[in-house]
Amino acid sequence: MTAVQTAAMAATATGLTKVYGEGNTQVVALNGVDIGFEERKLTAIMGPSGSGKSTLLHCMAGLDSVTSGEVRIGDTAISELSDKDLTLLRRQRLGFIFQAFNLVPTLTAEENILLPLLLGGREPDRDWEDRVIESLGLDDRVHHRPDELSGGQQQRVAVARALVSRPDIIFADEPTGNLDSASGQEVLGFLRRAVDDWEQTVVMVTHDPKAASYADLVVFLRDGKVVGHIDDPTADAVLDRIRTLEA
């Protein structure tokens, strides 16, 4: 799928290639990917194991370098940034939600939520913080540390941390992978609401057709290339496409 330039794009990649290793051990994880992620949309990335979906997410988020091609967050080409400026961009303009939560165990839930702002030297917007915490049902858990929270509560803290800075785009890598079905649906509902009610942009890697059905668009990868997409997906339509890709 080539990036559609008529829509406003929160992030784009052009000719994105990522190669690991050399010689006989060389692996081409991404092979000339052109893609765009539209503002105020929830996009899911799917594909068989080894298709390059997590690599794509990490390259788009500036967590992994690219071998060739260009990645842009808005109008900013991140490959042209110094390490310092890339760190600032990630803190100020990007949000991250990971499968393993990535919470600091010695900090309270509220301290974990505010950590990206504090690291960037930014004052939190207390009204927005309160709104996010209340919406995620964390009012009575803000003074608890991660080991005092359930998995679903920890992931809600991670979602709040991603939202609190009002980033240009939120990247989520298997955000429901470590959760039971009920907690996973809660987290997906919050991500859907972030897009619909708060005009956020979310890009989510998932292996779960039910999770993908929360998205506006599902993009499919195979062997490091974009091989198709589904607009307004249903779980059944996604499952059928995945079966085709794995055949």
Protein backbone atom coordinates (compact mmCIF):
# COMPACT_ATOMS: atom_id res chain seq x y z
CA MET A 1 0.00 0.00 0.00
CA THR A 2 1.52 3.30 -1.05
CA ALA A 3 1.04 6.28 1.22
CA VAL A 4 -2.00 8.28 0.14
CA GLN A 5 -0.79 11.86 0.03
CA THR A 6 -4.28 13.41 -0.25
CA ALA A 7 -4.93 12.66 3.44
CA ALA A 8 -3.03 14.21 6.33
CA MET A 9 -0.39 11.73 7.45
CA ALA A 10 0.96 11.51 10.97
CA ALA A 11 3.84 9.30 9.80
CA THR A 12 5.11 8.02 6.44
CA ALA A 13 7.79 5.71 5.12
CA THR A 14 9.25 5.73 1.61
CA GLY A 15 11.40 2.89 0.30
CA LEU A 16 11.93 1.68 3.85
CA THR A 17 14.41 -1.19 3.97
CA LYS A 18 15.85 -2.85 7.04
CA VAL A 19 18.54 -5.52 6.77
CA TYR A 20 20.04 -7.44 9.68
CA GLY A 21 23.37 -9.26 9.44
CA GLU A 22 25.68 -9.78 6.48
CA GLY A 23 26.53 -12.46 3.95
CA ASN A 24 24.97 -15.85 4.60
CA THR A 25 23.34 -14.61 7.81
CA GLN A 26 21.71 -11.58 6.19
CA VAL A 27 17.98 -11.15 6.81
CA VAL A 28 15.88 -8.61 4.93
CA ALA A 29 13.22 -7.67 7.50
CA LEU A 30 11.70 -4.85 5.43
CA ASN A 31 12.01 -4.59 1.68
CA GLY A 32 11.19 -1.21 0.15
CA VAL A 33 8.06 -0.41 2.16
CA ASP A 34 5.99 2.65 1.18
CA ILE A 35 3.26 3.42 3.69
CA GLY A 36 1.44 6.25 5.41
CA PHE A 37 -0.52 6.38 8.65
CA GLU A 38 -3.40 8.82 8.52
CA GLU A 39 -4.03 11.30 11.31
CA ARG A 40 -6.87 10.57 13.75
CA LYS A 41 -7.12 6.94 12.65
CA LEU A 42 -6.41 3.60 14.31
CA THR A 43 -4.33 1.43 11.99
CA ALA A 44 -3.49 -2.21 12.72
CA ILE A 45 -0.45 -3.96 11.23
CA MET A 46 -0.72 -7.72 10.79
CA GLY A 47 1.11 -10.55 9.10
CA PRO A 48 2.62 -13.99 9.67
CA SER A 49 5.49 -14.47 12.11
CA GLY A 50 8.63 -12.95 10.62
CA SER A 51 6.72 -10.72 8.20
CA GLY A 52 8.40 -7.55 9.54
CA LYS A 53 5.48 -5.96 11.38
CA SER A 54 7.29 -5.20 14.65
CA THR A 55 10.38 -4.09 12.74
CA LEU A 56 8.21 -1.66 10.78
CA LEU A 57 6.74 -0.26 13.99
CA HIS A 58 10.16 0.14 15.60
CA CYS A 59 11.63 1.86 12.54
CA MET A 60 8.64 4.20 12.28
CA ALA A 61 9.00 5.08 15.97
CA GLY A 62 12.73 5.76 15.70
CA LEU A 63 13.55 2.85 18.01
CA ASP A 64 15.54 1.09 15.28
CA SER A 65 17.63 2.57 12.51
CA VAL A 66 16.81 2.00 8.84
CA THR A 67 19.17 0.51 6.27
CA SER A 68 17.78 2.70 3.50
CA GLY A 69 14.72 4.77 2.72
CA GLU A 70 13.07 7.53 4.70
CA VAL A 71 10.77 7.74 7.71
CA ARG A 72 8.90 10.95 8.53
CA ILE A 73 6.90 11.96 11.56
CA GLY A 74 4.74 14.68 10.08
CA ASP A 75 7.19 16.72 8.01
CA THR A 76 10.24 15.68 10.03
CA ALA A 77 12.64 13.15 8.47
CA ILE A 78 13.83 11.27 11.53
CA SER A 79 16.86 9.73 9.81
CA GLU A 80 18.31 13.25 9.50
CA LEU A 81 18.10 13.93 13.24
CA SER A 82 20.97 13.71 15.68
CA ASP A 83 20.65 11.22 18.53
CA LYS A 84 19.75 14.10 20.88
CA ASP A 85 17.09 15.50 18.57
CA LEU A 86 15.64 12.03 17.92
CA THR A 87 15.37 11.47 21.68
CA LEU A 88 13.56 14.81 22.04
CA LEU A 89 11.19 13.94 19.20
CA ARG A 90 10.31 10.60 20.80
CA ARG A 91 9.65 12.27 24.16
CA GLN A 92 7.64 15.19 22.80
CA ARG A 93 5.78 13.85 19.77
CA LEU A 94 5.48 10.07 20.13
CA GLY A 95 3.74 7.74 22.55
CA PHE A 96 4.58 4.06 23.08
CA ILE A 97 2.63 1.10 24.41
CA PHE A 98 4.43 -2.22 24.64
CA GLN A 99 3.30 -5.76 25.34
CA ALA A 100 5.50 -5.99 28.46
CA PHE A 101 4.10 -2.70 29.90
CA ASN A 102 7.64 -1.29 30.51
CA LEU A 103 6.71 0.38 33.78
CA VAL A 104 9.37 1.44 36.29
CA PRO A 105 8.79 -0.84 39.30
CA THR A 106 9.93 1.68 41.94
CA LEU A 107 7.56 4.43 40.73
CA THR A 108 3.87 4.81 41.45
CA ALA A 109 1.30 4.58 38.67
CA GLU A 110 1.07 8.38 38.49
CA GLU A 111 4.85 8.78 38.42
CA ASN A 112 5.04 6.23 35.58
CA ILE A 113 2.32 8.10 33.68
CA LEU A 114 4.14 11.43 34.00
CA LEU A 115 7.64 10.05 33.36
CA PRO A 116 7.93 11.07 29.66
CA LEU A 117 6.94 14.64 30.53
CA LEU A 118 9.34 14.81 33.46
CA LEU A 119 12.23 13.43 31.40
CA GLY A 120 11.51 16.05 28.76
CA GLY A 121 11.37 18.87 31.30
CA ARG A 122 7.71 19.58 30.55
CA GLU A 123 5.03 20.52 33.03
CA PRO A 124 2.00 18.22 32.97
CA ASP A 125 -1.40 19.58 32.04
CA ARG A 126 -3.18 18.58 35.25
CA ASP A 127 -6.67 18.87 33.79
CA TRP A 128 -5.73 16.58 30.89
CA GLU A 129 -3.89 14.19 33.22
CA ASP A 130 -6.97 13.94 35.46
CA ARG A 131 -9.20 13.36 32.43
CA VAL A 132 -7.01 10.55 31.11
CA ILE A 133 -6.66 8.88 34.52
CA GLU A 134 -10.39 9.08 35.17
CA SER A 135 -11.27 7.76 31.71
CA LEU A 136 -8.97 4.79 32.22
CA GLY A 137 -10.45 4.03 35.63
CA LEU A 138 -7.19 4.58 37.49
CA ASP A 139 -8.36 7.19 40.01
CA ASP A 140 -7.91 4.89 42.98
CA ARG A 141 -4.69 3.27 41.73
CA VAL A 142 -2.42 6.27 41.07
CA HIS A 143 -0.42 5.77 44.29
CA HIS A 144 0.11 2.04 43.75
CA ARG A 145 3.32 0.60 42.32
CA PRO A 146 3.23 -1.82 39.36
CA ASP A 147 3.54 -4.95 41.53
CA GLU A 148 0.35 -3.87 43.29
CA LEU A 149 -1.60 -3.70 40.03
CA SER A 150 -3.12 -6.40 37.81
CA GLY A 151 -1.84 -6.88 34.28
CA GLY A 152 -4.81 -5.01 32.88
CA GLN A 153 -4.26 -2.12 35.27
CA GLN A 154 -0.55 -1.99 34.39
CA GLN A 155 -1.41 -1.77 30.70
CA ARG A 156 -3.93 0.98 31.42
CA VAL A 157 -1.11 2.89 33.13
CA ALA A 158 0.98 2.36 29.98
CA VAL A 159 -1.89 3.70 27.83
CA ALA A 160 -2.23 6.74 30.11
CA ARG A 161 1.53 7.32 29.87
CA ALA A 162 1.27 7.31 26.08
CA LEU A 163 -1.69 9.70 26.09
CA VAL A 164 -0.66 12.21 28.73
CA SER A 165 1.72 14.15 26.48
CA ARG A 166 -0.86 14.36 23.66
CA PRO A 167 1.60 12.99 21.11
CA ASP A 168 1.34 13.27 17.34
CA ILE A 169 1.12 9.49 17.08
CA ILE A 170 0.98 6.49 19.44
CA PHE A 171 2.74 3.24 18.52
CA ALA A 172 1.45 0.09 20.22
CA ASP A 173 3.29 -3.24 19.86
CA GLU A 174 0.98 -6.15 20.74
CA PRO A 175 -0.68 -4.07 23.52
CA THR A 176 -3.05 -6.89 24.49
CA GLY A 177 -0.58 -9.76 24.12
CA ASN A 178 -0.08 -10.27 27.88
CA LEU A 179 -3.71 -9.66 28.88
CA ASP A 180 -6.74 -11.85 29.37
CA SER A 181 -9.66 -11.37 26.99
CA ALA A 182 -11.63 -8.95 29.19
CA SER A 183 -8.62 -6.75 30.00
CA GLY A 184 -7.56 -6.79 26.36
CA GLN A 185 -10.98 -5.58 25.22
CA GLU A 186 -10.82 -2.78 27.79
CA VAL A 187 -7.46 -1.58 26.50
CA LEU A 188 -8.63 -1.74 22.87
CA GLY A 189 -11.73 0.22 23.81
CA PHE A 190 -9.56 2.92 25.36
CA LEU A 191 -7.41 3.12 22.21
CA ARG A 192 -10.54 3.38 20.08
CA ARG A 193 -11.82 6.16 22.30
CA ALA A 194 -8.49 7.99 22.12
CA VAL A 195 -8.96 8.18 18.35
CA ASP A 196 -12.70 8.91 18.28
CA ASP A 197 -12.99 11.30 21.23
CA TRP A 198 -9.50 12.79 21.59
CA GLU A 199 -8.39 12.80 17.93
CA GLN A 200 -5.23 10.80 18.58
CA THR A 201 -3.48 8.69 15.95
CA VAL A 202 -2.69 5.07 16.85
CA VAL A 203 -0.65 2.46 14.96
CA MET A 204 -0.91 -1.01 16.49
CA VAL A 205 0.86 -4.28 15.73
CA THR A 206 -1.30 -7.27 16.60
CA HIS A 207 -1.69 -10.94 15.76
CA ASP A 208 -5.30 -11.02 16.97
CA PRO A 209 -8.11 -10.58 14.39
CA LYS A 210 -10.50 -9.42 17.13
CA ALA A 211 -8.04 -6.70 18.15
CA ALA A 212 -7.60 -5.69 14.51
CA SER A 213 -11.37 -5.28 14.16
CA TYR A 214 -11.15 -2.21 16.41
CA ALA A 215 -9.07 -0.47 13.71
CA ASP A 216 -10.15 1.78 10.85
CA LEU A 217 -7.65 0.07 8.57
CA VAL A 218 -5.61 -3.14 8.69
CA VAL A 219 -2.36 -3.32 6.73
CA PHE A 220 -0.90 -6.75 5.94
CA LEU A 221 2.79 -7.60 5.61
CA ARG A 222 4.48 -10.69 4.27
CA ASP A 223 8.21 -11.21 3.76
CA GLY A 224 8.95 -7.58 4.57
CA LYS A 225 6.52 -6.13 2.04
CA VAL A 226 3.05 -4.60 2.23
CA VAL A 227 0.73 -7.05 0.46
CA GLY A 228 -2.72 -5.61 1.07
CA HIS A 229 -5.12 -3.84 3.39
CA ILE A 230 -8.73 -3.92 4.59
CA ASP A 231 -10.80 -0.84 5.38
CA ASP A 232 -13.38 -1.01 8.18
CA PRO A 233 -12.27 -4.55 9.09
CA THR A 234 -14.23 -7.30 10.76
CA ALA A 235 -12.57 -10.10 12.71
CA ASP A 236 -13.78 -12.66 10.15
CA ALA A 237 -12.45 -10.69 7.18
CA VAL A 238 -9.08 -10.27 8.88
CA LEU A 239 -8.89 -13.96 9.78
CA ASP A 240 -9.65 -14.96 6.19
CA ARG A 241 -6.86 -12.69 4.88
CA ILE A 242 -4.35 -13.98 7.43
CA ARG A 243 -5.16 -17.58 6.45
CA THR A 244 -4.48 -16.68 2.84
CA LEU A 245 -1.12 -15.11 3.73
CA GLU A 246 -0.07 -18.13 5.79
CA ALA A 247 -1.13 -20.67 3.14
